[in-house]
Amino acid sequence: MAQRRQEIEEFVRRIVVEVEAAEAAGMRTPQAIAEHFDAKGLTTRKGRRWTGETVAKFLSSPGAKRYRNVSN
């Protein structure tokens, strides 16, 4: 169980870094970020493609909020 939690936390941290890099490159909407992830071949934890909806859900999750460096 502890290993699974660690893997999830590592995944969340990695995706937060990718989101922040996409935002720094000018991608502001969840859909734009999802398209960027698709172009890079990044998948969700379950191996699926990202959609605008899944990016938005991810960004509103407690895990993502914990690692975000957003000053809004």
C-alpha atoms as a PDB file:
ATOM      1  CA  MET A   1       0.000   0.000   0.000  1.00  0.00           C
ATOM      2  CA  ALA A   2       2.793   2.441   0.872  1.00  0.00           C
ATOM      3  CA  GLN A   3       4.524   1.730  -2.433  1.00  0.00           C
ATOM      4  CA  ARG A   4       1.337   2.418  -4.390  1.00  0.00           C
ATOM      5  CA  ARG A   5       0.881   5.729  -2.563  1.00  0.00           C
ATOM      6  CA  GLN A   6       4.499   6.652  -3.360  1.00  0.00           C
ATOM      7  CA  GLU A   7       3.988   5.819  -7.055  1.00  0.00           C
ATOM      8  CA  ILE A   8       0.860   7.982  -7.148  1.00  0.00           C
ATOM      9  CA  GLU A   9       2.645  10.896  -5.455  1.00  0.00           C
ATOM     10  CA  GLU A  10       5.540  10.613  -7.951  1.00  0.00           C
ATOM     11  CA  PHE A  11       3.071  10.621 -10.835  1.00  0.00           C
ATOM     12  CA  VAL A  12       1.282  13.694  -9.452  1.00  0.00           C
ATOM     13  CA  ARG A  13       4.564  15.579  -8.993  1.00  0.00           C
ATOM     14  CA  ARG A  14       5.669  14.694 -12.536  1.00  0.00           C
ATOM     15  CA  ILE A  15       2.381  15.825 -14.087  1.00  0.00           C
ATOM     16  CA  VAL A  16       2.391  19.068 -12.054  1.00  0.00           C
ATOM     17  CA  VAL A  17       5.844  19.839 -13.491  1.00  0.00           C
ATOM     18  CA  GLU A  18       4.520  19.131 -16.999  1.00  0.00           C
ATOM     19  CA  VAL A  19       1.445  21.331 -16.426  1.00  0.00           C
ATOM     20  CA  GLU A  20       3.560  24.209 -15.163  1.00  0.00           C
ATOM     21  CA  ALA A  21       5.920  23.880 -18.149  1.00  0.00           C
ATOM     22  CA  ALA A  22       2.925  23.932 -20.509  1.00  0.00           C
ATOM     23  CA  GLU A  23       1.527  27.005 -18.749  1.00  0.00           C
ATOM     24  CA  ALA A  24       4.915  28.738 -18.970  1.00  0.00           C
ATOM     25  CA  ALA A  25       4.841  28.050 -22.715  1.00  0.00           C
ATOM     26  CA  GLY A  26       1.510  29.861 -22.963  1.00  0.00           C
ATOM     27  CA  MET A  27      -0.998  27.034 -22.701  1.00  0.00           C
ATOM     28  CA  ARG A  28      -3.687  28.292 -20.359  1.00  0.00           C
ATOM     29  CA  THR A  29      -6.741  26.101 -20.878  1.00  0.00           C
ATOM     30  CA  PRO A  30      -7.130  22.495 -19.765  1.00  0.00           C
ATOM     31  CA  GLN A  31      -7.858  21.534 -23.384  1.00  0.00           C
ATOM     32  CA  ALA A  32      -4.622  23.129 -24.626  1.00  0.00           C
ATOM     33  CA  ILE A  33      -2.662  21.316 -21.923  1.00  0.00           C
ATOM     34  CA  ALA A  34      -4.380  18.016 -22.812  1.00  0.00           C
ATOM     35  CA  GLU A  35      -3.446  18.471 -26.477  1.00  0.00           C
ATOM     36  CA  HIS A  36       0.140  19.244 -25.450  1.00  0.00           C
ATOM     37  CA  PHE A  37       0.261  16.076 -23.332  1.00  0.00           C
ATOM     38  CA  ASP A  38      -1.141  14.067 -26.239  1.00  0.00           C
ATOM     39  CA  ALA A  39       1.525  15.455 -28.572  1.00  0.00           C
ATOM     40  CA  LYS A  40       4.218  14.484 -26.045  1.00  0.00           C
ATOM     41  CA  GLY A  41       2.776  11.021 -25.552  1.00  0.00           C
ATOM     42  CA  LEU A  42       1.978  11.598 -21.862  1.00  0.00           C
ATOM     43  CA  THR A  43      -0.857   9.478 -20.554  1.00  0.00           C
ATOM     44  CA  THR A  44      -2.930   9.405 -17.402  1.00  0.00           C
ATOM     45  CA  ARG A  45      -1.936   7.059 -14.614  1.00  0.00           C
ATOM     46  CA  LYS A  46      -4.194   4.442 -16.188  1.00  0.00           C
ATOM     47  CA  GLY A  47      -2.510   4.844 -19.575  1.00  0.00           C
ATOM     48  CA  ARG A  48      -5.317   6.830 -21.186  1.00  0.00           C
ATOM     49  CA  ARG A  49      -5.154  10.015 -23.214  1.00  0.00           C
ATOM     50  CA  TRP A  50      -5.682  13.312 -21.417  1.00  0.00           C
ATOM     51  CA  THR A  51      -8.761  15.392 -22.204  1.00  0.00           C
ATOM     52  CA  GLY A  52      -9.593  18.913 -21.142  1.00  0.00           C
ATOM     53  CA  GLU A  53     -11.901  17.405 -18.549  1.00  0.00           C
ATOM     54  CA  THR A  54      -9.261  15.088 -17.092  1.00  0.00           C
ATOM     55  CA  VAL A  55      -6.729  17.943 -16.904  1.00  0.00           C
ATOM     56  CA  ALA A  56      -9.295  20.138 -15.128  1.00  0.00           C
ATOM     57  CA  LYS A  57     -10.101  17.305 -12.671  1.00  0.00           C
ATOM     58  CA  PHE A  58      -6.407  16.728 -12.057  1.00  0.00           C
ATOM     59  CA  LEU A  59      -5.749  20.424 -11.407  1.00  0.00           C
ATOM     60  CA  SER A  60      -8.592  20.605  -8.887  1.00  0.00           C
ATOM     61  CA  SER A  61      -7.436  17.493  -7.020  1.00  0.00           C
ATOM     62  CA  PRO A  62      -5.921  17.869  -3.546  1.00  0.00           C
ATOM     63  CA  GLY A  63      -2.750  16.109  -4.705  1.00  0.00           C
ATOM     64  CA  ALA A  64      -2.128  18.507  -7.571  1.00  0.00           C
ATOM     65  CA  LYS A  65      -2.938  21.526  -5.413  1.00  0.00           C
ATOM     66  CA  ARG A  66      -0.362  20.355  -2.888  1.00  0.00           C
ATOM     67  CA  TYR A  67       2.464  20.587  -5.462  1.00  0.00           C
ATOM     68  CA  ARG A  68       1.376  23.530  -7.602  1.00  0.00           C
ATOM     69  CA  ASN A  69       3.507  26.699  -7.627  1.00  0.00           C
ATOM     70  CA  VAL A  70       0.661  28.985  -8.691  1.00  0.00           C
ATOM     71  CA  SER A  71       0.338  32.382  -7.047  1.00  0.00           C
ATOM     72  CA  ASN A  72      -3.244  33.275  -7.960  1.00  0.00           C
END
